C-alpha cells in the first residue's frame, strides 16, 4: 500500500522554497479545524486544541487505512491567524490573536469519516476540545507567500517586509489571513 503524502502533492504549496515574498495560486483544500483566541505560547486552550486536532487526524488516518485500504501521512499543523488590528502581528501582541488550527485531509476524506473519527478520539481521550473539531474547506486563491526560517518571534519582521507589490494603495495587505505551516 502506497502512502499518500500531501506535502509531496505538487498541486499544493508545501514545497515552497522562496525566502522572499512571491505570488502563488493556492488551490481549494479541505482540513479538519478548530478555532480559538489568545497567545499560543500561554493559552491552555491552544495546547488542548492541538492535541484534539491530532487525535482526530490520526483516527481518520487509521479508519482510512483499515476500512478503505488508503493510507496517508498526517499533514503538518497549519494555522490561520487574524486580529482586529493587523499590526499586532508585527508587534507580536499574541494575546490579541485569533486562530484557526488546521490539518489537511486527502480528497477522499468526507464529513461522516470526520464525525466517526471525532467520536473515536473522544472515547480514548478526555479532551474537551475534541467536539470542536470540524470539517473546513479553504479556498485562498492568489496569495503572497514566503518561507520563514527561524523563530516564531522573528515572523513580525517578515510580515513587516511584505513586498510593496502586494499592498494596496491604502497600505493594507491584500491578504486578510496569515496562513502558517509548521513544516518542521
N, C-alpha and C. Protein backbone atom coordinates (compact mmCIF):
# COMPACT_ATOMS: atom_id res chain seq x y z
N UNK A 1 0.85 -1.18 0.00
CA UNK A 1 0.00 0.00 0.00
C UNK A 1 0.90 1.25 0.00
N UNK A 2 0.67 2.13 -0.95
CA UNK A 2 1.42 3.38 -1.04
C UNK A 2 0.74 4.42 -0.16
N UNK A 3 1.56 5.15 0.61
CA UNK A 3 1.03 6.21 1.47
C UNK A 3 0.97 7.51 0.68
N UNK A 4 -0.19 8.16 0.75
CA UNK A 4 -0.33 9.49 0.17
C UNK A 4 0.27 10.50 1.15
N UNK A 5 1.08 11.42 0.63
CA UNK A 5 1.69 12.46 1.45
C UNK A 5 1.36 13.81 0.83
N UNK A 6 0.49 14.57 1.48
CA UNK A 6 0.05 15.86 0.95
C UNK A 6 1.21 16.83 0.76
N UNK A 7 2.26 16.70 1.58
CA UNK A 7 3.40 17.60 1.44
C UNK A 7 4.14 17.37 0.13
N UNK A 8 3.93 16.23 -0.50
CA UNK A 8 4.61 15.92 -1.77
C UNK A 8 3.68 16.06 -2.97
N UNK A 9 2.43 16.43 -2.74
CA UNK A 9 1.48 16.59 -3.83
C UNK A 9 1.77 17.93 -4.51
N UNK A 10 2.13 17.90 -5.80
CA UNK A 10 2.55 19.15 -6.46
C UNK A 10 1.48 20.23 -6.57
N UNK A 11 0.20 19.87 -6.43
CA UNK A 11 -0.81 20.92 -6.57
C UNK A 11 -0.94 21.79 -5.32
N UNK A 12 -0.33 21.38 -4.22
CA UNK A 12 -0.37 22.18 -3.00
C UNK A 12 0.96 22.89 -2.79
N UNK A 13 1.01 23.82 -1.86
CA UNK A 13 2.17 24.72 -1.70
C UNK A 13 3.10 24.32 -0.55
N UNK A 14 3.25 23.04 -0.29
CA UNK A 14 4.07 22.63 0.85
C UNK A 14 5.56 22.62 0.55
N UNK A 15 5.94 22.61 -0.72
CA UNK A 15 7.35 22.54 -1.08
C UNK A 15 7.97 23.89 -1.38
N UNK A 16 7.38 24.95 -0.86
CA UNK A 16 7.86 26.29 -1.18
C UNK A 16 9.31 26.47 -0.75
N UNK A 17 10.07 27.17 -1.58
CA UNK A 17 11.47 27.44 -1.29
C UNK A 17 11.75 28.93 -1.20
N UNK A 18 10.81 29.76 -1.66
CA UNK A 18 11.05 31.20 -1.74
C UNK A 18 11.23 31.81 -0.35
N UNK A 19 12.33 32.52 -0.16
CA UNK A 19 12.62 33.19 1.11
C UNK A 19 12.28 34.68 1.04
N UNK A 20 11.68 35.10 -0.09
CA UNK A 20 11.15 36.45 -0.24
C UNK A 20 9.70 36.32 -0.68
N UNK A 21 8.95 37.39 -0.60
CA UNK A 21 7.54 37.35 -0.94
C UNK A 21 7.34 37.08 -2.43
N UNK A 22 6.38 36.22 -2.75
CA UNK A 22 6.05 35.91 -4.13
C UNK A 22 4.56 35.59 -4.20
N UNK A 23 3.95 35.80 -5.36
CA UNK A 23 2.54 35.45 -5.54
C UNK A 23 2.42 33.99 -5.97
N UNK A 24 1.50 33.28 -5.34
CA UNK A 24 1.23 31.87 -5.67
C UNK A 24 -0.27 31.67 -5.74
N UNK A 25 -0.68 30.67 -6.48
CA UNK A 25 -2.09 30.25 -6.53
C UNK A 25 -2.25 29.06 -5.61
N UNK A 26 -3.09 29.20 -4.60
CA UNK A 26 -3.32 28.12 -3.64
C UNK A 26 -4.67 27.49 -3.98
N UNK A 27 -4.68 26.19 -4.28
CA UNK A 27 -5.93 25.55 -4.67
C UNK A 27 -6.86 25.31 -3.47
N UNK A 28 -8.10 25.01 -3.78
CA UNK A 28 -9.09 24.62 -2.76
C UNK A 28 -8.53 23.40 -2.03
N UNK A 29 -8.70 23.41 -0.72
CA UNK A 29 -8.19 22.30 0.08
C UNK A 29 -9.10 22.07 1.27
N UNK A 30 -9.19 20.82 1.71
CA UNK A 30 -10.03 20.53 2.88
C UNK A 30 -9.16 20.16 4.08
N UNK A 31 -9.69 20.47 5.25
CA UNK A 31 -8.98 20.30 6.51
C UNK A 31 -9.94 19.81 7.58
N UNK A 32 -9.36 19.40 8.71
CA UNK A 32 -10.09 19.40 9.96
C UNK A 32 -9.58 20.62 10.69
N UNK A 33 -10.43 21.27 11.47
CA UNK A 33 -10.08 22.56 12.04
C UNK A 33 -10.69 22.75 13.41
N UNK A 34 -10.12 23.71 14.14
CA UNK A 34 -10.66 24.16 15.42
C UNK A 34 -10.22 25.61 15.61
N UNK A 35 -11.07 26.43 16.22
CA UNK A 35 -10.80 27.85 16.38
C UNK A 35 -10.56 28.21 17.85
N UNK A 36 -9.87 29.34 18.03
CA UNK A 36 -9.64 29.85 19.37
C UNK A 36 -9.07 31.25 19.33
N UNK A 37 -8.67 31.75 20.48
CA UNK A 37 -8.15 33.12 20.60
C UNK A 37 -7.11 33.15 21.71
N UNK A 38 -6.08 33.96 21.50
CA UNK A 38 -5.09 34.19 22.54
C UNK A 38 -3.69 33.75 22.16
N UNK A 39 -2.78 34.02 23.06
CA UNK A 39 -1.36 33.73 22.86
C UNK A 39 -1.14 32.21 22.80
N UNK A 40 -0.64 31.70 21.68
CA UNK A 40 -0.44 30.26 21.56
C UNK A 40 0.61 29.72 22.54
N UNK A 41 1.46 30.59 23.05
CA UNK A 41 2.50 30.14 23.99
C UNK A 41 2.00 30.00 25.42
N UNK A 42 0.89 30.66 25.74
CA UNK A 42 0.42 30.65 27.14
C UNK A 42 -1.02 30.18 27.31
N UNK A 43 -1.76 30.10 26.23
CA UNK A 43 -3.17 29.72 26.32
C UNK A 43 -3.33 28.21 26.47
N UNK A 44 -3.91 27.73 27.58
CA UNK A 44 -4.16 26.30 27.71
C UNK A 44 -5.09 25.77 26.62
N UNK A 45 -5.99 26.63 26.15
CA UNK A 45 -6.90 26.24 25.09
C UNK A 45 -6.19 25.92 23.78
N UNK A 46 -5.07 26.58 23.53
CA UNK A 46 -4.30 26.32 22.31
C UNK A 46 -3.69 24.92 22.36
N UNK A 47 -3.04 24.59 23.45
CA UNK A 47 -2.42 23.26 23.59
C UNK A 47 -3.48 22.17 23.51
N UNK A 48 -4.57 22.37 24.17
CA UNK A 48 -5.69 21.42 24.15
C UNK A 48 -6.22 21.25 22.73
N UNK A 49 -6.32 22.35 21.99
CA UNK A 49 -6.82 22.30 20.61
C UNK A 49 -5.88 21.51 19.70
N UNK A 50 -4.57 21.72 19.86
CA UNK A 50 -3.58 20.98 19.05
C UNK A 50 -3.69 19.49 19.33
N UNK A 51 -3.77 19.13 20.61
CA UNK A 51 -3.88 17.71 20.98
C UNK A 51 -5.17 17.11 20.42
N UNK A 52 -6.27 17.82 20.50
CA UNK A 52 -7.54 17.32 19.98
C UNK A 52 -7.48 17.15 18.46
N UNK A 53 -6.89 18.13 17.79
CA UNK A 53 -6.79 18.10 16.34
C UNK A 53 -6.02 16.87 15.86
N UNK A 54 -4.89 16.58 16.48
CA UNK A 54 -4.10 15.43 16.06
C UNK A 54 -4.71 14.11 16.50
N UNK A 55 -5.44 14.10 17.60
CA UNK A 55 -6.16 12.87 18.00
C UNK A 55 -7.17 12.49 16.93
N UNK A 56 -7.90 13.47 16.42
CA UNK A 56 -8.89 13.21 15.37
C UNK A 56 -8.19 12.91 14.05
N UNK A 57 -7.11 13.61 13.74
CA UNK A 57 -6.38 13.37 12.48
C UNK A 57 -5.89 11.92 12.41
N UNK A 58 -5.33 11.41 13.50
CA UNK A 58 -4.84 10.03 13.48
C UNK A 58 -5.99 9.03 13.46
N UNK A 59 -7.10 9.36 14.07
CA UNK A 59 -8.27 8.47 13.99
C UNK A 59 -8.78 8.39 12.55
N UNK A 60 -8.74 9.51 11.83
CA UNK A 60 -9.14 9.50 10.41
C UNK A 60 -8.16 8.64 9.61
N UNK A 61 -6.87 8.83 9.85
CA UNK A 61 -5.84 8.07 9.13
C UNK A 61 -6.06 6.57 9.30
N UNK A 62 -6.24 6.11 10.53
CA UNK A 62 -6.37 4.67 10.77
C UNK A 62 -7.69 4.12 10.23
N UNK A 63 -8.76 4.91 10.29
CA UNK A 63 -10.02 4.48 9.70
C UNK A 63 -9.86 4.34 8.18
N UNK A 64 -9.21 5.30 7.56
CA UNK A 64 -9.00 5.26 6.12
C UNK A 64 -8.15 4.04 5.73
N UNK A 65 -7.10 3.81 6.48
CA UNK A 65 -6.20 2.68 6.18
C UNK A 65 -6.92 1.35 6.38
N UNK A 66 -7.61 1.19 7.50
CA UNK A 66 -8.24 -0.09 7.83
C UNK A 66 -9.51 -0.38 7.04
N UNK A 67 -10.32 0.65 6.84
CA UNK A 67 -11.62 0.43 6.21
C UNK A 67 -11.58 0.61 4.69
N UNK A 68 -10.78 1.58 4.22
CA UNK A 68 -10.75 1.89 2.79
C UNK A 68 -9.50 1.37 2.08
N UNK A 69 -8.51 0.93 2.87
CA UNK A 69 -7.25 0.50 2.27
C UNK A 69 -6.45 1.64 1.67
N UNK A 70 -6.68 2.87 2.18
CA UNK A 70 -5.98 4.06 1.69
C UNK A 70 -5.25 4.72 2.85
N UNK A 71 -3.93 4.59 2.83
CA UNK A 71 -3.11 5.15 3.90
C UNK A 71 -2.58 6.52 3.49
N UNK A 72 -2.32 7.37 4.47
CA UNK A 72 -1.75 8.68 4.19
C UNK A 72 -0.93 9.16 5.37
N UNK A 73 -0.02 10.05 5.09
CA UNK A 73 0.79 10.70 6.11
C UNK A 73 -0.05 11.85 6.69
N UNK A 74 -0.17 11.90 8.00
CA UNK A 74 -0.90 13.01 8.63
C UNK A 74 -0.11 14.29 8.35
N UNK A 75 -0.82 15.29 7.84
CA UNK A 75 -0.18 16.55 7.45
C UNK A 75 0.33 17.35 8.64
N UNK A 76 1.09 18.39 8.34
CA UNK A 76 1.63 19.24 9.41
C UNK A 76 0.55 20.15 10.00
N UNK A 77 0.83 20.67 11.18
CA UNK A 77 -0.05 21.66 11.79
C UNK A 77 0.02 22.94 10.95
N UNK A 78 -1.15 23.49 10.66
CA UNK A 78 -1.23 24.76 9.96
C UNK A 78 -2.10 25.69 10.80
N UNK A 79 -1.92 26.97 10.59
CA UNK A 79 -2.72 27.93 11.33
C UNK A 79 -3.12 29.10 10.46
N UNK A 80 -4.34 29.55 10.62
CA UNK A 80 -4.79 30.81 10.06
C UNK A 80 -4.87 31.78 11.24
N UNK A 81 -4.24 32.93 11.08
CA UNK A 81 -4.16 33.90 12.17
C UNK A 81 -4.76 35.21 11.70
N UNK A 82 -5.50 35.87 12.58
CA UNK A 82 -6.06 37.17 12.26
C UNK A 82 -6.27 37.94 13.56
N UNK A 83 -6.50 39.24 13.40
CA UNK A 83 -6.75 40.11 14.56
C UNK A 83 -7.51 41.33 14.08
N UNK A 84 -8.22 41.97 14.98
CA UNK A 84 -8.92 43.21 14.64
C UNK A 84 -7.94 44.27 14.16
N UNK A 85 -6.76 44.29 14.77
CA UNK A 85 -5.70 45.22 14.38
C UNK A 85 -4.52 44.40 13.86
N UNK A 86 -4.30 44.35 12.55
CA UNK A 86 -3.25 43.50 11.99
C UNK A 86 -1.84 43.87 12.42
N UNK A 87 -1.64 45.06 12.97
CA UNK A 87 -0.29 45.43 13.40
C UNK A 87 0.18 44.59 14.58
N UNK A 88 -0.72 43.88 15.26
CA UNK A 88 -0.30 43.05 16.39
C UNK A 88 0.58 41.89 15.94
N UNK A 89 0.58 41.57 14.64
CA UNK A 89 1.47 40.53 14.14
C UNK A 89 2.90 41.05 14.04
N UNK A 90 3.04 42.34 13.80
CA UNK A 90 4.38 42.95 13.75
C UNK A 90 4.89 43.19 15.16
N UNK A 91 4.03 43.69 16.04
CA UNK A 91 4.43 43.99 17.42
C UNK A 91 4.45 42.75 18.31
N UNK A 92 3.92 41.63 17.78
CA UNK A 92 3.90 40.33 18.47
C UNK A 92 3.03 40.35 19.72
N UNK A 93 1.94 41.11 19.70
CA UNK A 93 0.96 41.13 20.79
C UNK A 93 0.05 39.91 20.63
N UNK A 94 0.56 38.77 21.02
CA UNK A 94 -0.08 37.49 20.74
C UNK A 94 -1.41 37.29 21.47
N UNK A 95 -1.62 37.96 22.56
CA UNK A 95 -2.90 37.81 23.28
C UNK A 95 -4.07 38.35 22.46
N UNK A 96 -3.78 39.17 21.44
CA UNK A 96 -4.83 39.73 20.60
C UNK A 96 -5.10 38.89 19.35
N UNK A 97 -4.39 37.79 19.20
CA UNK A 97 -4.52 36.97 18.00
C UNK A 97 -5.71 36.02 18.11
N UNK A 98 -6.38 35.82 17.00
CA UNK A 98 -7.37 34.75 16.85
C UNK A 98 -6.75 33.73 15.92
N UNK A 99 -7.14 32.47 16.08
CA UNK A 99 -6.53 31.42 15.26
C UNK A 99 -7.52 30.33 14.90
N UNK A 100 -7.22 29.71 13.78
CA UNK A 100 -7.92 28.50 13.34
C UNK A 100 -6.80 27.51 13.02
N UNK A 101 -6.73 26.44 13.80
CA UNK A 101 -5.71 25.42 13.57
C UNK A 101 -6.26 24.40 12.58
N UNK A 102 -5.38 23.90 11.71
CA UNK A 102 -5.79 23.04 10.62
C UNK A 102 -4.85 21.85 10.46
N UNK A 103 -5.38 20.74 10.00
CA UNK A 103 -4.58 19.62 9.48
C UNK A 103 -5.26 19.22 8.17
N UNK A 104 -4.50 19.30 7.06
CA UNK A 104 -5.04 18.99 5.74
C UNK A 104 -5.48 17.54 5.67
N UNK A 105 -6.52 17.31 4.87
CA UNK A 105 -7.06 15.96 4.68
C UNK A 105 -7.06 15.61 3.20
N UNK A 106 -6.80 14.34 2.88
CA UNK A 106 -6.88 13.92 1.47
C UNK A 106 -8.30 14.12 0.93
N UNK A 107 -8.40 14.18 -0.38
CA UNK A 107 -9.69 14.47 -1.03
C UNK A 107 -10.76 13.43 -0.72
N UNK A 108 -10.37 12.19 -0.40
CA UNK A 108 -11.38 11.15 -0.17
C UNK A 108 -11.97 11.15 1.23
N UNK A 109 -11.43 11.97 2.12
CA UNK A 109 -11.98 12.07 3.48
C UNK A 109 -13.24 12.93 3.41
N UNK A 110 -14.33 12.44 4.02
CA UNK A 110 -15.58 13.20 3.99
C UNK A 110 -16.06 13.48 5.42
N UNK A 111 -17.14 14.23 5.52
CA UNK A 111 -17.64 14.63 6.83
C UNK A 111 -18.05 13.45 7.71
N UNK A 112 -18.70 12.39 7.17
CA UNK A 112 -19.00 11.24 8.03
C UNK A 112 -17.74 10.57 8.61
N UNK A 113 -16.65 10.54 7.83
CA UNK A 113 -15.40 9.99 8.36
C UNK A 113 -14.86 10.85 9.50
N UNK A 114 -14.99 12.16 9.34
CA UNK A 114 -14.51 13.08 10.38
C UNK A 114 -15.34 12.91 11.64
N UNK A 115 -16.65 12.80 11.50
CA UNK A 115 -17.53 12.58 12.65
C UNK A 115 -17.18 11.28 13.37
N UNK A 116 -16.99 10.22 12.61
CA UNK A 116 -16.63 8.92 13.18
C UNK A 116 -15.28 9.01 13.92
N UNK A 117 -14.33 9.70 13.35
CA UNK A 117 -13.01 9.86 13.96
C UNK A 117 -13.10 10.71 15.23
N UNK A 118 -13.94 11.74 15.20
CA UNK A 118 -14.12 12.58 16.39
C UNK A 118 -14.68 11.74 17.54
N UNK A 119 -15.66 10.89 17.23
CA UNK A 119 -16.24 10.00 18.25
C UNK A 119 -15.20 9.01 18.78
N UNK A 120 -14.38 8.45 17.88
CA UNK A 120 -13.33 7.51 18.29
C UNK A 120 -12.31 8.20 19.19
N UNK A 121 -11.89 9.40 18.81
CA UNK A 121 -10.91 10.14 19.61
C UNK A 121 -11.48 10.50 20.98
N UNK A 122 -12.74 10.91 21.02
CA UNK A 122 -13.38 11.28 22.29
C UNK A 122 -13.50 10.08 23.22
N UNK A 123 -13.66 8.89 22.66
CA UNK A 123 -13.78 7.70 23.50
C UNK A 123 -12.43 7.30 24.11
N UNK A 124 -11.33 7.78 23.53
CA UNK A 124 -9.99 7.42 24.01
C UNK A 124 -9.34 8.51 24.85
N UNK A 125 -9.75 9.75 24.64
CA UNK A 125 -9.11 10.88 25.32
C UNK A 125 -10.15 11.77 25.98
N UNK A 126 -9.80 12.25 27.16
CA UNK A 126 -10.67 13.20 27.85
C UNK A 126 -10.17 14.61 27.52
N UNK A 127 -10.56 15.09 26.34
CA UNK A 127 -10.13 16.40 25.89
C UNK A 127 -11.39 17.18 25.48
N UNK A 128 -11.73 18.23 26.23
CA UNK A 128 -12.96 18.98 25.93
C UNK A 128 -12.96 19.70 24.59
N UNK A 129 -11.82 19.77 23.90
CA UNK A 129 -11.77 20.43 22.60
C UNK A 129 -12.15 19.51 21.44
N UNK A 130 -12.17 18.21 21.65
CA UNK A 130 -12.48 17.27 20.56
C UNK A 130 -13.82 17.57 19.89
N UNK A 131 -14.89 17.86 20.63
CA UNK A 131 -16.16 18.17 19.94
C UNK A 131 -16.09 19.39 19.02
N UNK A 132 -15.12 20.26 19.23
CA UNK A 132 -14.98 21.45 18.40
C UNK A 132 -14.28 21.21 17.07
N UNK A 133 -13.75 20.02 16.86
CA UNK A 133 -13.07 19.70 15.60
C UNK A 133 -14.13 19.54 14.51
N UNK A 134 -13.91 20.17 13.37
CA UNK A 134 -14.90 20.13 12.29
C UNK A 134 -14.23 20.17 10.93
N UNK A 135 -15.01 19.86 9.91
CA UNK A 135 -14.58 19.92 8.51
C UNK A 135 -14.48 21.39 8.11
N UNK A 136 -13.44 21.72 7.36
CA UNK A 136 -13.27 23.11 6.93
C UNK A 136 -12.67 23.10 5.52
N UNK A 137 -13.25 23.87 4.62
CA UNK A 137 -12.74 24.00 3.26
C UNK A 137 -12.18 25.40 3.11
N UNK A 138 -10.96 25.48 2.58
CA UNK A 138 -10.29 26.76 2.40
C UNK A 138 -10.01 26.97 0.92
N UNK A 139 -10.46 28.11 0.41
CA UNK A 139 -10.22 28.49 -0.98
C UNK A 139 -9.50 29.83 -0.96
N UNK A 140 -8.19 29.78 -0.91
CA UNK A 140 -7.41 31.01 -0.77
C UNK A 140 -7.17 31.73 -2.08
N UNK A 141 -6.96 31.02 -3.17
CA UNK A 141 -6.69 31.66 -4.46
C UNK A 141 -5.30 32.27 -4.50
N UNK A 142 -5.21 33.50 -5.02
CA UNK A 142 -3.92 34.18 -5.15
C UNK A 142 -3.47 34.70 -3.79
N UNK A 143 -2.25 34.33 -3.40
CA UNK A 143 -1.72 34.74 -2.09
C UNK A 143 -0.27 35.18 -2.22
N UNK A 144 0.13 36.09 -1.36
CA UNK A 144 1.55 36.42 -1.20
C UNK A 144 2.11 35.39 -0.22
N UNK A 145 3.25 34.79 -0.61
CA UNK A 145 3.80 33.71 0.19
C UNK A 145 5.31 33.85 0.30
N UNK A 146 5.82 33.48 1.45
CA UNK A 146 7.27 33.36 1.62
C UNK A 146 7.55 32.29 2.66
N UNK A 147 8.73 31.74 2.61
CA UNK A 147 9.16 30.75 3.58
C UNK A 147 9.96 31.46 4.65
N UNK A 148 9.49 31.37 5.89
CA UNK A 148 10.20 31.97 7.03
C UNK A 148 10.94 30.85 7.75
N UNK A 149 12.22 31.02 7.91
CA UNK A 149 13.02 30.05 8.65
C UNK A 149 13.53 30.77 9.89
N UNK A 150 13.23 30.21 11.04
CA UNK A 150 13.69 30.83 12.27
C UNK A 150 12.61 30.85 13.33
N UNK A 151 12.86 31.62 14.34
CA UNK A 151 11.97 31.71 15.50
C UNK A 151 10.63 32.33 15.11
N UNK A 152 9.57 31.85 15.76
CA UNK A 152 8.25 32.46 15.57
C UNK A 152 8.27 33.93 15.93
N UNK A 153 9.10 34.30 16.90
CA UNK A 153 9.14 35.70 17.33
C UNK A 153 9.77 36.62 16.30
N UNK A 154 10.43 36.05 15.29
CA UNK A 154 11.02 36.86 14.22
C UNK A 154 10.07 37.01 13.03
N UNK A 155 8.89 36.40 13.10
CA UNK A 155 7.95 36.49 11.98
C UNK A 155 7.45 37.91 11.75
N UNK A 156 7.40 38.72 12.81
CA UNK A 156 6.93 40.10 12.66
C UNK A 156 7.73 40.86 11.63
N UNK A 157 9.05 40.63 11.60
CA UNK A 157 9.91 41.29 10.61
C UNK A 157 9.54 40.85 9.20
N UNK A 158 9.22 39.56 9.04
CA UNK A 158 8.84 39.05 7.72
C UNK A 158 7.51 39.67 7.28
N UNK A 159 6.56 39.77 8.20
CA UNK A 159 5.26 40.38 7.86
C UNK A 159 5.46 41.86 7.52
N UNK A 160 6.30 42.53 8.28
CA UNK A 160 6.55 43.95 8.03
C UNK A 160 7.24 44.15 6.68
N UNK A 161 8.00 43.16 6.23
CA UNK A 161 8.72 43.26 4.96
C UNK A 161 7.87 42.82 3.77
N UNK A 162 6.56 42.72 3.94
CA UNK A 162 5.69 42.32 2.84
C UNK A 162 5.98 43.20 1.63
N UNK A 163 6.28 42.56 0.53
CA UNK A 163 6.66 43.24 -0.70
C UNK A 163 5.62 44.29 -1.06
N UNK A 164 6.03 45.52 -1.35
CA UNK A 164 5.08 46.60 -1.69
C UNK A 164 4.18 46.27 -2.88
N UNK A 165 4.60 45.36 -3.76
CA UNK A 165 3.75 44.97 -4.90
C UNK A 165 2.46 44.31 -4.43
N UNK A 166 2.45 43.81 -3.20
CA UNK A 166 1.31 43.06 -2.70
C UNK A 166 0.49 43.87 -1.70
N UNK A 167 0.69 45.17 -1.68
CA UNK A 167 -0.02 46.04 -0.75
C UNK A 167 -0.86 47.02 -1.56
N UNK A 168 -2.08 47.27 -1.13
CA UNK A 168 -2.96 48.19 -1.84
C UNK A 168 -2.48 49.62 -1.67
N UNK A 169 -3.09 50.52 -2.45
CA UNK A 169 -2.73 51.94 -2.36
C UNK A 169 -2.99 52.52 -0.97
N UNK A 170 -3.90 51.92 -0.23
CA UNK A 170 -4.22 52.41 1.12
C UNK A 170 -3.27 51.84 2.16
N UNK A 171 -2.28 51.04 1.72
CA UNK A 171 -1.31 50.50 2.65
C UNK A 171 -1.79 49.25 3.36
N UNK A 172 -2.87 48.66 2.90
CA UNK A 172 -3.39 47.45 3.53
C UNK A 172 -3.01 46.24 2.69
N UNK A 173 -2.58 45.20 3.36
CA UNK A 173 -2.26 43.98 2.64
C UNK A 173 -3.50 43.44 1.98
N UNK A 174 -3.33 42.85 0.81
CA UNK A 174 -4.46 42.28 0.10
C UNK A 174 -4.91 40.97 0.72
N UNK A 175 -4.09 40.38 1.56
CA UNK A 175 -4.41 39.11 2.20
C UNK A 175 -4.98 39.41 3.58
N UNK A 176 -6.09 38.78 3.93
CA UNK A 176 -6.72 39.09 5.21
C UNK A 176 -6.32 38.11 6.31
N UNK A 177 -5.81 36.94 5.95
CA UNK A 177 -5.39 35.95 6.94
C UNK A 177 -3.92 35.62 6.76
N UNK A 178 -3.25 35.41 7.86
CA UNK A 178 -1.89 34.90 7.81
C UNK A 178 -1.99 33.38 7.91
N UNK A 179 -1.55 32.67 6.88
CA UNK A 179 -1.62 31.20 6.85
C UNK A 179 -0.22 30.68 7.09
N UNK A 180 -0.06 29.94 8.16
CA UNK A 180 1.25 29.46 8.58
C UNK A 180 1.27 27.94 8.58
N UNK A 181 2.35 27.37 8.05
CA UNK A 181 2.54 25.92 8.06
C UNK A 181 3.76 25.61 8.90
N UNK A 182 3.63 24.64 9.80
CA UNK A 182 4.76 24.20 10.62
C UNK A 182 5.41 23.02 9.92
N UNK A 183 6.31 23.30 8.97
CA UNK A 183 6.93 22.24 8.18
C UNK A 183 7.90 21.42 9.04
N UNK A 184 8.59 22.06 9.94
CA UNK A 184 9.49 21.30 10.82
C UNK A 184 9.49 21.91 12.20
